[in-house]
Each structure stands twice: as C-alpha cells, then as structure tokens.
Amino acid sequence: MREIGLTPAKSVERLRLDAARAMLESGAASIQDVARKTGFGDSERMRRAFIRFYGAPPALLRGPCGALDLSGDAALHGRLKKRRSEASLAKRKEEQKTIFITGAGSGIGRATALLFAERGWFVGAFDVDAEGLEQTAALLPEGRRLSSVFDVRDRAGWTRAVRNFGEATGGLMHVLFNNAGVARGGWFEDIAPDDADLIVDVNIKGVINGCYAALPLLREATGGAHRECRFGRGRLRHAAHGGVFRDQARGARID
C-alpha cells in the first residue's frame, strides 16, 4: 500500500469510492443502496467521502439521471479539481437552504421567490417568460439567486436547469416548487384541442418532468429522510422531512 502512497484504510476507502462511483454512474441503484452495498454503511458517510475525494456529493456523479455527464477519469478530475478549491464556499452553501421555483416570472412564483429570499434561502428562479423572470431576478439578493429561462415541457431544459442549480448550491435542493402552469377557462366544448394539449403538457407532464429531474438533488438534501412522490388533489407532489409542502390552493409554509 505504501508504494502507491496510501494507508491501508485510505486504500480500502478508495476501492469503495471506485465501486460506488461505478454503481452511481450506471444508475442501477439508489444512493442509499450504493452506500450499503459498497461498505459505507449509510449515505451520509459516503457523501462525506465523495466530497473529500471528488469534491462533489454522490448526486452530482450519477449517470443519465444525474447532474453531471462526464466520461473518463481525466475529465472527471479536471472538472472536480475546481470544486475542491472552493471547499469553504461549498460548505457555506450546504448549510444554506435552497429552493427551485418554476413559474417565477410573475404571480405566485414571484411572491414565493421573494418570501424565501427574505428568509435567507438561495432561490433558483425559472420561467418561460424572459421579461418577467428578469424583473423577478432584479428583486432577489446578489449571491443568493440563480435564474434562467426554460420551458417545463422540455426535459432537456429541466436537465440543464437542475444541473446549473446543483452546481450553484453544492448539489443540494431542499425544495422543488413545481409552480409553472397555464389556465384556460370555459366549457369543455369551447376549449380548443391545442389548448387542451397545452394544459396537459404544462400542468401535468411539466410537473412530472420536474420531479424526475430534481429527485437526485432532493434526496441529497434530505440526507436519506423519508420522501414520497405522489398524485394528490390533481397535482404531483414531492414530500420530504424539513421541506415545504402544501398544494398551491392551500398556500405554503417554511420549516
């Protein structure tokens, strides 16, 4: 072991890290299962080991479902070397609560962004309306905000937005506020088929897209706490300990 400059304990940890990374990149198991199967025991212990060695938590090293898609050790270590040099900043961000808000360009989305910003949270504001989003971003504090335009119907857009959010927050998302939606009023026969398609694509499929894209970061932030993703009152919801969660019609609270 000394020939490669590692103590026996460090060598064992490196082997566990290599095995865990391979399992995560394959996307075949949850973070908790990977921690158990590779000998770390629990996800928090594995998370600390990943941050020490890779400079990033396990959620950012997943394969197709994860935030980073890096091929080869050279690319991986080159990208994460920069993250290790920002360790103190990453630690601060880990201690700060974070929220990802769609439909933040106006109405409930903007009001929610302002409320959480006032409480000291890092706010990710997203909307398809570039002008409205710019106005919202101008109201949020520097250094504790991220904003970009994307359409919730676009799965690739979700992937990019969540990746950027994760890189800004140290791989954590405490709350996903899946708020973006469209409304068309009137009798059924008066609603055009194209409008009906838009309602389904944004209000249902867009919410589901967000749950799939954000789940790795939500799991990382909850540290293995109980969570569920289910349909309730016509809305797909993600519930996690220490999180937010009520339907829009009933308002929201901050824990």
C-alpha atoms as a PDB file:
ATOM      1  CA  MET A   1       0.000   0.000   0.000  1.00  0.00           C
ATOM      2  CA  ARG A   2       2.839   2.361   0.785  1.00  0.00           C
ATOM      3  CA  GLU A   3       4.138   2.034  -2.778  1.00  0.00           C
ATOM      4  CA  ILE A   4       1.124   3.972  -4.038  1.00  0.00           C
ATOM      5  CA  GLY A   5       1.230   6.456  -1.155  1.00  0.00           C
ATOM      6  CA  LEU A   6      -1.941   5.323   0.598  1.00  0.00           C
ATOM      7  CA  THR A   7      -2.507   3.866   4.046  1.00  0.00           C
ATOM      8  CA  PRO A   8      -4.466   0.593   4.195  1.00  0.00           C
ATOM      9  CA  ALA A   9      -7.546   2.469   5.414  1.00  0.00           C
ATOM     10  CA  LYS A  10      -7.332   5.014   2.588  1.00  0.00           C
ATOM     11  CA  SER A  11      -6.791   2.234   0.060  1.00  0.00           C
ATOM     12  CA  VAL A  12      -9.961   0.496   1.219  1.00  0.00           C
ATOM     13  CA  GLU A  13     -11.877   3.759   1.066  1.00  0.00           C
ATOM     14  CA  ARG A  14     -10.599   4.379  -2.476  1.00  0.00           C
ATOM     15  CA  LEU A  15     -11.784   0.926  -3.564  1.00  0.00           C
ATOM     16  CA  ARG A  16     -15.187   1.639  -2.041  1.00  0.00           C
ATOM     17  CA  LEU A  17     -15.334   5.012  -3.792  1.00  0.00           C
ATOM     18  CA  ASP A  18     -14.470   3.466  -7.151  1.00  0.00           C
ATOM     19  CA  ALA A  19     -17.157   0.813  -6.701  1.00  0.00           C
ATOM     20  CA  ALA A  20     -19.729   3.349  -5.528  1.00  0.00           C
ATOM     21  CA  ARG A  21     -18.978   5.685  -8.418  1.00  0.00           C
ATOM     22  CA  ALA A  22     -19.417   2.852 -10.938  1.00  0.00           C
ATOM     23  CA  MET A  23     -22.780   1.924  -9.433  1.00  0.00           C
ATOM     24  CA  LEU A  24     -23.946   5.536  -9.383  1.00  0.00           C
ATOM     25  CA  GLU A  25     -22.951   6.132 -12.989  1.00  0.00           C
ATOM     26  CA  SER A  26     -24.889   3.057 -14.050  1.00  0.00           C
ATOM     27  CA  GLY A  27     -27.989   4.462 -12.348  1.00  0.00           C
ATOM     28  CA  ALA A  28     -28.971   0.967 -11.258  1.00  0.00           C
ATOM     29  CA  ALA A  29     -29.336   1.655  -7.528  1.00  0.00           C
ATOM     30  CA  SER A  30     -30.311   4.440  -5.160  1.00  0.00           C
ATOM     31  CA  ILE A  31     -27.686   6.372  -3.218  1.00  0.00           C
ATOM     32  CA  GLN A  32     -28.721   4.593  -0.009  1.00  0.00           C
ATOM     33  CA  ASP A  33     -28.379   1.156  -1.632  1.00  0.00           C
ATOM     34  CA  VAL A  34     -24.975   2.067  -3.085  1.00  0.00           C
ATOM     35  CA  ALA A  35     -23.733   3.180   0.341  1.00  0.00           C
ATOM     36  CA  ARG A  36     -24.859  -0.083   1.904  1.00  0.00           C
ATOM     37  CA  LYS A  37     -23.548  -2.373  -0.834  1.00  0.00           C
ATOM     38  CA  THR A  38     -20.103  -0.722  -1.011  1.00  0.00           C
ATOM     39  CA  GLY A  39     -19.462  -0.819   2.733  1.00  0.00           C
ATOM     40  CA  PHE A  40     -20.010   2.812   3.673  1.00  0.00           C
ATOM     41  CA  GLY A  41     -22.947   1.850   5.839  1.00  0.00           C
ATOM     42  CA  ASP A  42     -25.049   4.965   5.302  1.00  0.00           C
ATOM     43  CA  SER A  43     -25.450   7.688   2.685  1.00  0.00           C
ATOM     44  CA  GLU A  44     -24.072  10.485   4.898  1.00  0.00           C
ATOM     45  CA  ARG A  45     -20.768   8.681   5.454  1.00  0.00           C
ATOM     46  CA  MET A  46     -20.464   8.028   1.719  1.00  0.00           C
ATOM     47  CA  ARG A  47     -21.369  11.632   0.971  1.00  0.00           C
ATOM     48  CA  ARG A  48     -18.523  12.927   3.148  1.00  0.00           C
ATOM     49  CA  ALA A  49     -16.066  10.547   1.474  1.00  0.00           C
ATOM     50  CA  PHE A  50     -17.158  11.671  -2.001  1.00  0.00           C
ATOM     51  CA  ILE A  51     -16.729  15.336  -1.104  1.00  0.00           C
ATOM     52  CA  ARG A  52     -13.249  14.675   0.337  1.00  0.00           C
ATOM     53  CA  PHE A  53     -12.047  12.769  -2.712  1.00  0.00           C
ATOM     54  CA  TYR A  54     -14.093  14.063  -5.667  1.00  0.00           C
ATOM     55  CA  GLY A  55     -15.071  17.478  -4.339  1.00  0.00           C
ATOM     56  CA  ALA A  56     -18.743  16.761  -5.057  1.00  0.00           C
ATOM     57  CA  PRO A  57     -21.573  14.754  -3.451  1.00  0.00           C
ATOM     58  CA  PRO A  58     -22.783  11.470  -4.959  1.00  0.00           C
ATOM     59  CA  ALA A  59     -25.884  13.071  -6.502  1.00  0.00           C
ATOM     60  CA  LEU A  60     -23.706  15.007  -8.949  1.00  0.00           C
ATOM     61  CA  LEU A  61     -21.887  11.889 -10.125  1.00  0.00           C
ATOM     62  CA  ARG A  62     -24.874   9.879 -11.268  1.00  0.00           C
ATOM     63  CA  GLY A  63     -25.140   8.748 -14.858  1.00  0.00           C
ATOM     64  CA  PRO A  64     -28.076   9.556 -17.188  1.00  0.00           C
ATOM     65  CA  CYS A  65     -30.298  10.674 -14.292  1.00  0.00           C
ATOM     66  CA  GLY A  66     -27.662  12.844 -12.655  1.00  0.00           C
ATOM     67  CA  ALA A  67     -26.500  16.406 -13.000  1.00  0.00           C
ATOM     68  CA  LEU A  68     -23.059  15.748 -14.475  1.00  0.00           C
ATOM     69  CA  ASP A  69     -22.295  13.631 -17.517  1.00  0.00           C
ATOM     70  CA  LEU A  70     -18.520  13.201 -17.546  1.00  0.00           C
ATOM     71  CA  SER A  71     -16.711  10.484 -19.470  1.00  0.00           C
ATOM     72  CA  GLY A  72     -13.318   9.318 -18.249  1.00  0.00           C
ATOM     73  CA  ASP A  73     -11.204   9.986 -15.183  1.00  0.00           C
ATOM     74  CA  ALA A  74      -9.292  12.883 -16.766  1.00  0.00           C
ATOM     75  CA  ALA A  75     -12.453  14.859 -17.457  1.00  0.00           C
ATOM     76  CA  LEU A  76     -13.867  13.970 -14.038  1.00  0.00           C
ATOM     77  CA  HIS A  77     -10.860  15.037 -12.019  1.00  0.00           C
ATOM     78  CA  GLY A  78     -10.304  18.145 -14.126  1.00  0.00           C
ATOM     79  CA  ARG A  79     -13.867  19.295 -13.510  1.00  0.00           C
ATOM     80  CA  LEU A  80     -13.907  18.454  -9.827  1.00  0.00           C
ATOM     81  CA  LYS A  81     -10.479  19.857  -9.008  1.00  0.00           C
ATOM     82  CA  LYS A  82     -12.016  23.292  -9.267  1.00  0.00           C
ATOM     83  CA  ARG A  83     -14.768  22.271  -6.862  1.00  0.00           C
ATOM     84  CA  ARG A  84     -12.240  21.129  -4.261  1.00  0.00           C
ATOM     85  CA  SER A  85     -10.566  24.550  -4.413  1.00  0.00           C
ATOM     86  CA  GLU A  86     -13.925  26.076  -3.447  1.00  0.00           C
ATOM     87  CA  ALA A  87     -14.446  23.863  -0.388  1.00  0.00           C
ATOM     88  CA  SER A  88     -15.188  26.689   2.015  1.00  0.00           C
ATOM     89  CA  LEU A  89     -17.812  28.161  -0.296  1.00  0.00           C
ATOM     90  CA  ALA A  90     -19.372  24.741  -0.836  1.00  0.00           C
ATOM     91  CA  LYS A  91     -19.612  24.229   2.922  1.00  0.00           C
ATOM     92  CA  ARG A  92     -21.478  27.503   3.327  1.00  0.00           C
ATOM     93  CA  LYS A  93     -23.867  26.574   0.552  1.00  0.00           C
ATOM     94  CA  GLU A  94     -24.538  23.192   2.128  1.00  0.00           C
ATOM     95  CA  GLU A  95     -25.646  24.960   5.294  1.00  0.00           C
ATOM     96  CA  GLN A  96     -27.984  27.266   3.373  1.00  0.00           C
ATOM     97  CA  LYS A  97     -31.477  26.145   2.421  1.00  0.00           C
ATOM     98  CA  THR A  98     -32.278  26.154  -1.292  1.00  0.00           C
ATOM     99  CA  ILE A  99     -35.449  26.297  -3.366  1.00  0.00           C
ATOM    100  CA  PHE A 100     -36.064  25.739  -7.084  1.00  0.00           C
ATOM    101  CA  ILE A 101     -39.110  27.629  -8.389  1.00  0.00           C
ATOM    102  CA  THR A 102     -40.758  27.324 -11.798  1.00  0.00           C
ATOM    103  CA  GLY A 103     -43.173  29.965 -12.996  1.00  0.00           C
ATOM    104  CA  ALA A 104     -41.159  32.541 -11.050  1.00  0.00           C
ATOM    105  CA  GLY A 105     -41.681  35.327 -13.557  1.00  0.00           C
ATOM    106  CA  SER A 106     -44.957  36.508 -12.025  1.00  0.00           C
ATOM    107  CA  GLY A 107     -47.777  35.832  -9.584  1.00  0.00           C
ATOM    108  CA  ILE A 108     -47.416  33.067  -7.011  1.00  0.00           C
ATOM    109  CA  GLY A 109     -43.985  32.092  -8.327  1.00  0.00           C
ATOM    110  CA  ARG A 110     -42.557  35.587  -7.894  1.00  0.00           C
ATOM    111  CA  ALA A 111     -44.185  36.030  -4.485  1.00  0.00           C
ATOM    112  CA  THR A 112     -42.722  32.697  -3.347  1.00  0.00           C
ATOM    113  CA  ALA A 113     -39.259  33.650  -4.595  1.00  0.00           C
ATOM    114  CA  LEU A 114     -39.372  36.924  -2.662  1.00  0.00           C
ATOM    115  CA  LEU A 115     -40.678  35.252   0.501  1.00  0.00           C
ATOM    116  CA  PHE A 116     -37.953  32.620   0.591  1.00  0.00           C
ATOM    117  CA  ALA A 117     -35.261  35.161  -0.286  1.00  0.00           C
ATOM    118  CA  GLU A 118     -36.374  37.300   2.659  1.00  0.00           C
ATOM    119  CA  ARG A 119     -35.927  34.250   4.909  1.00  0.00           C
ATOM    120  CA  GLY A 120     -32.328  33.801   3.726  1.00  0.00           C
ATOM    121  CA  TRP A 121     -32.794  30.952   1.259  1.00  0.00           C
ATOM    122  CA  PHE A 122     -30.904  30.543  -2.002  1.00  0.00           C
ATOM    123  CA  VAL A 123     -33.514  30.948  -4.743  1.00  0.00           C
ATOM    124  CA  GLY A 124     -33.455  29.392  -8.189  1.00  0.00           C
ATOM    125  CA  ALA A 125     -36.000  31.264 -10.312  1.00  0.00           C
ATOM    126  CA  PHE A 126     -37.110  29.811 -13.646  1.00  0.00           C
ATOM    127  CA  ASP A 127     -39.758  30.708 -16.193  1.00  0.00           C
ATOM    128  CA  VAL A 128     -40.509  30.622 -19.902  1.00  0.00           C
ATOM    129  CA  ASP A 129     -41.218  34.379 -19.748  1.00  0.00           C
ATOM    130  CA  ALA A 130     -37.793  36.034 -20.080  1.00  0.00           C
ATOM    131  CA  GLU A 131     -39.013  39.556 -19.337  1.00  0.00           C
ATOM    132  CA  GLY A 132     -40.973  38.582 -16.245  1.00  0.00           C
ATOM    133  CA  LEU A 133     -38.107  36.447 -14.972  1.00  0.00           C
ATOM    134  CA  GLU A 134     -35.660  39.303 -15.379  1.00  0.00           C
ATOM    135  CA  GLN A 135     -37.907  41.502 -13.250  1.00  0.00           C
ATOM    136  CA  THR A 136     -38.108  38.836 -10.548  1.00  0.00           C
ATOM    137  CA  ALA A 137     -34.336  38.281 -10.536  1.00  0.00           C
ATOM    138  CA  ALA A 138     -33.757  42.005 -10.063  1.00  0.00           C
ATOM    139  CA  LEU A 139     -35.718  41.800  -6.790  1.00  0.00           C
ATOM    140  CA  LEU A 140     -33.618  38.950  -5.380  1.00  0.00           C
ATOM    141  CA  PRO A 141     -30.332  39.456  -3.482  1.00  0.00           C
ATOM    142  CA  GLU A 142     -26.998  39.083  -5.263  1.00  0.00           C
ATOM    143  CA  GLY A 143     -25.140  35.904  -4.411  1.00  0.00           C
ATOM    144  CA  ARG A 144     -28.267  34.040  -3.353  1.00  0.00           C
ATOM    145  CA  ARG A 145     -30.068  33.707  -6.643  1.00  0.00           C
ATOM    146  CA  LEU A 146     -29.928  31.893  -9.954  1.00  0.00           C
ATOM    147  CA  SER A 147     -32.285  32.451 -12.848  1.00  0.00           C
ATOM    148  CA  SER A 148     -32.665  31.106 -16.359  1.00  0.00           C
ATOM    149  CA  VAL A 149     -35.336  30.699 -18.983  1.00  0.00           C
ATOM    150  CA  PHE A 150     -36.664  27.268 -19.901  1.00  0.00           C
ATOM    151  CA  ASP A 151     -39.917  25.538 -20.780  1.00  0.00           C
ATOM    152  CA  VAL A 152     -41.093  22.895 -18.285  1.00  0.00           C
ATOM    153  CA  ARG A 153     -42.307  20.773 -21.215  1.00  0.00           C
ATOM    154  CA  ASP A 154     -38.673  20.355 -22.300  1.00  0.00           C
ATOM    155  CA  ARG A 155     -36.946  17.509 -20.440  1.00  0.00           C
ATOM    156  CA  ALA A 156     -33.530  18.593 -21.708  1.00  0.00           C
ATOM    157  CA  GLY A 157     -34.300  22.075 -20.370  1.00  0.00           C
ATOM    158  CA  TRP A 158     -35.051  20.569 -16.970  1.00  0.00           C
ATOM    159  CA  THR A 159     -31.742  18.686 -17.039  1.00  0.00           C
ATOM    160  CA  ARG A 160     -29.775  21.856 -17.798  1.00  0.00           C
ATOM    161  CA  ALA A 161     -31.629  23.939 -15.206  1.00  0.00           C
ATOM    162  CA  VAL A 162     -31.197  21.356 -12.425  1.00  0.00           C
ATOM    163  CA  ARG A 163     -27.527  20.852 -13.330  1.00  0.00           C
ATOM    164  CA  ASN A 164     -26.852  24.606 -13.115  1.00  0.00           C
ATOM    165  CA  PHE A 165     -28.794  24.833  -9.864  1.00  0.00           C
ATOM    166  CA  GLY A 166     -26.841  21.943  -8.360  1.00  0.00           C
ATOM    167  CA  GLU A 167     -23.516  23.465  -9.332  1.00  0.00           C
ATOM    168  CA  ALA A 168     -24.569  26.720  -7.652  1.00  0.00           C
ATOM    169  CA  THR A 169     -25.790  25.071  -4.428  1.00  0.00           C
ATOM    170  CA  GLY A 170     -23.240  22.347  -3.840  1.00  0.00           C
ATOM    171  CA  GLY A 171     -25.553  19.652  -5.153  1.00  0.00           C
ATOM    172  CA  LEU A 172     -28.492  20.355  -2.842  1.00  0.00           C
ATOM    173  CA  MET A 173     -32.139  21.190  -3.460  1.00  0.00           C
ATOM    174  CA  HIS A 174     -34.240  21.376  -0.302  1.00  0.00           C
ATOM    175  CA  VAL A 175     -37.485  22.380  -2.008  1.00  0.00           C
ATOM    176  CA  LEU A 176     -38.865  21.999  -5.520  1.00  0.00           C
ATOM    177  CA  PHE A 177     -41.798  24.362  -6.054  1.00  0.00           C
ATOM    178  CA  ASN A 178     -43.335  22.994  -9.258  1.00  0.00           C
ATOM    179  CA  ASN A 179     -45.430  26.084  -9.813  1.00  0.00           C
ATOM    180  CA  ALA A 180     -45.436  26.728 -13.578  1.00  0.00           C
ATOM    181  CA  GLY A 181     -48.872  26.279 -15.110  1.00  0.00           C
ATOM    182  CA  VAL A 182     -51.348  27.582 -17.661  1.00  0.00           C
ATOM    183  CA  ALA A 183     -55.094  28.166 -17.351  1.00  0.00           C
ATOM    184  CA  ARG A 184     -57.824  28.074 -19.951  1.00  0.00           C
ATOM    185  CA  GLY A 185     -61.366  28.774 -18.773  1.00  0.00           C
ATOM    186  CA  GLY A 186     -64.721  27.911 -20.248  1.00  0.00           C
ATOM    187  CA  TRP A 187     -66.918  24.971 -21.130  1.00  0.00           C
ATOM    188  CA  PHE A 188     -65.187  21.881 -22.467  1.00  0.00           C
ATOM    189  CA  GLU A 189     -66.584  22.331 -25.972  1.00  0.00           C
ATOM    190  CA  ASP A 190     -65.247  25.884 -26.047  1.00  0.00           C
ATOM    191  CA  ILE A 191     -61.634  24.853 -25.331  1.00  0.00           C
ATOM    192  CA  ALA A 192     -59.648  24.145 -28.477  1.00  0.00           C
ATOM    193  CA  PRO A 193     -57.796  20.803 -28.654  1.00  0.00           C
ATOM    194  CA  ASP A 194     -54.467  22.635 -28.906  1.00  0.00           C
ATOM    195  CA  ASP A 195     -55.249  24.457 -25.653  1.00  0.00           C
ATOM    196  CA  ALA A 196     -56.186  21.159 -24.002  1.00  0.00           C
ATOM    197  CA  ASP A 197     -52.849  19.706 -25.125  1.00  0.00           C
ATOM    198  CA  LEU A 198     -51.048  22.719 -23.672  1.00  0.00           C
ATOM    199  CA  ILE A 199     -52.783  22.301 -20.295  1.00  0.00           C
ATOM    200  CA  VAL A 200     -51.804  18.628 -20.088  1.00  0.00           C
ATOM    201  CA  ASP A 201     -48.243  19.218 -21.299  1.00  0.00           C
ATOM    202  CA  VAL A 202     -47.528  22.060 -18.866  1.00  0.00           C
ATOM    203  CA  ASN A 203     -49.699  21.356 -15.830  1.00  0.00           C
ATOM    204  CA  ILE A 204     -49.203  17.584 -15.696  1.00  0.00           C
ATOM    205  CA  LYS A 205     -46.251  16.490 -17.814  1.00  0.00           C
ATOM    206  CA  GLY A 206     -44.215  19.551 -16.856  1.00  0.00           C
ATOM    207  CA  VAL A 207     -44.652  18.745 -13.167  1.00  0.00           C
ATOM    208  CA  ILE A 208     -43.692  15.111 -13.687  1.00  0.00           C
ATOM    209  CA  ASN A 209     -40.610  16.161 -15.677  1.00  0.00           C
ATOM    210  CA  GLY A 210     -39.555  18.324 -12.751  1.00  0.00           C
ATOM    211  CA  CYS A 211     -39.949  15.538 -10.200  1.00  0.00           C
ATOM    212  CA  TYR A 212     -37.773  13.185 -12.221  1.00  0.00           C
ATOM    213  CA  ALA A 213     -35.098  15.810 -12.886  1.00  0.00           C
ATOM    214  CA  ALA A 214     -34.893  17.170  -9.340  1.00  0.00           C
ATOM    215  CA  LEU A 215     -35.209  13.963  -7.333  1.00  0.00           C
ATOM    216  CA  PRO A 216     -31.426  13.236  -7.054  1.00  0.00           C
ATOM    217  CA  LEU A 217     -30.753  16.674  -5.526  1.00  0.00           C
ATOM    218  CA  LEU A 218     -33.808  16.474  -3.281  1.00  0.00           C
ATOM    219  CA  ARG A 219     -32.611  13.108  -1.980  1.00  0.00           C
ATOM    220  CA  GLU A 220     -29.146  14.543  -1.352  1.00  0.00           C
ATOM    221  CA  ALA A 221     -30.548  17.463   0.628  1.00  0.00           C
ATOM    222  CA  THR A 222     -32.807  15.323   2.820  1.00  0.00           C
ATOM    223  CA  GLY A 223     -29.939  13.027   3.815  1.00  0.00           C
ATOM    224  CA  GLY A 224     -31.966   9.879   3.358  1.00  0.00           C
ATOM    225  CA  ALA A 225     -35.103  11.133   5.110  1.00  0.00           C
ATOM    226  CA  HIS A 226     -38.499   9.747   4.149  1.00  0.00           C
ATOM    227  CA  ARG A 227     -39.794  11.133   0.876  1.00  0.00           C
ATOM    228  CA  GLU A 228     -42.608  10.366  -1.483  1.00  0.00           C
ATOM    229  CA  CYS A 229     -43.763  11.467  -4.903  1.00  0.00           C
ATOM    230  CA  ARG A 230     -47.465  11.001  -5.434  1.00  0.00           C
ATOM    231  CA  PHE A 231     -50.579  12.404  -7.039  1.00  0.00           C
ATOM    232  CA  GLY A 232     -52.736  14.433  -4.703  1.00  0.00           C
ATOM    233  CA  ARG A 233     -55.538  16.901  -5.418  1.00  0.00           C
ATOM    234  CA  GLY A 234     -54.654  16.712  -9.099  1.00  0.00           C
ATOM    235  CA  ARG A 235     -51.038  17.732  -8.541  1.00  0.00           C
ATOM    236  CA  LEU A 236     -47.885  15.646  -8.389  1.00  0.00           C
ATOM    237  CA  ARG A 237     -46.149  16.400  -5.109  1.00  0.00           C
ATOM    238  CA  HIS A 238     -42.799  15.570  -3.568  1.00  0.00           C
ATOM    239  CA  ALA A 239     -42.799  15.473   0.228  1.00  0.00           C
ATOM    240  CA  ALA A 240     -39.660  15.404   2.362  1.00  0.00           C
ATOM    241  CA  HIS A 241     -38.883  15.995   6.024  1.00  0.00           C
ATOM    242  CA  GLY A 242     -37.736  19.560   6.624  1.00  0.00           C
ATOM    243  CA  GLY A 243     -39.365  20.665   3.399  1.00  0.00           C
ATOM    244  CA  VAL A 244     -42.333  22.778   2.404  1.00  0.00           C
ATOM    245  CA  PHE A 245     -45.223  21.183   1.166  1.00  0.00           C
ATOM    246  CA  ARG A 246     -48.768  22.003   0.583  1.00  0.00           C
ATOM    247  CA  ASP A 247     -50.836  22.476  -2.541  1.00  0.00           C
ATOM    248  CA  GLN A 248     -50.926  25.922  -4.104  1.00  0.00           C
ATOM    249  CA  ALA A 249     -54.590  26.334  -3.202  1.00  0.00           C
ATOM    250  CA  ARG A 250     -53.737  25.965   0.479  1.00  0.00           C
ATOM    251  CA  GLY A 251     -50.574  28.093   0.448  1.00  0.00           C
ATOM    252  CA  ALA A 252     -47.098  27.167   1.638  1.00  0.00           C
ATOM    253  CA  ARG A 253     -45.131  27.319   4.850  1.00  0.00           C
ATOM    254  CA  ILE A 254     -41.422  27.371   5.622  1.00  0.00           C
ATOM    255  CA  ASP A 255     -39.946  24.980   8.216  1.00  0.00           C
END
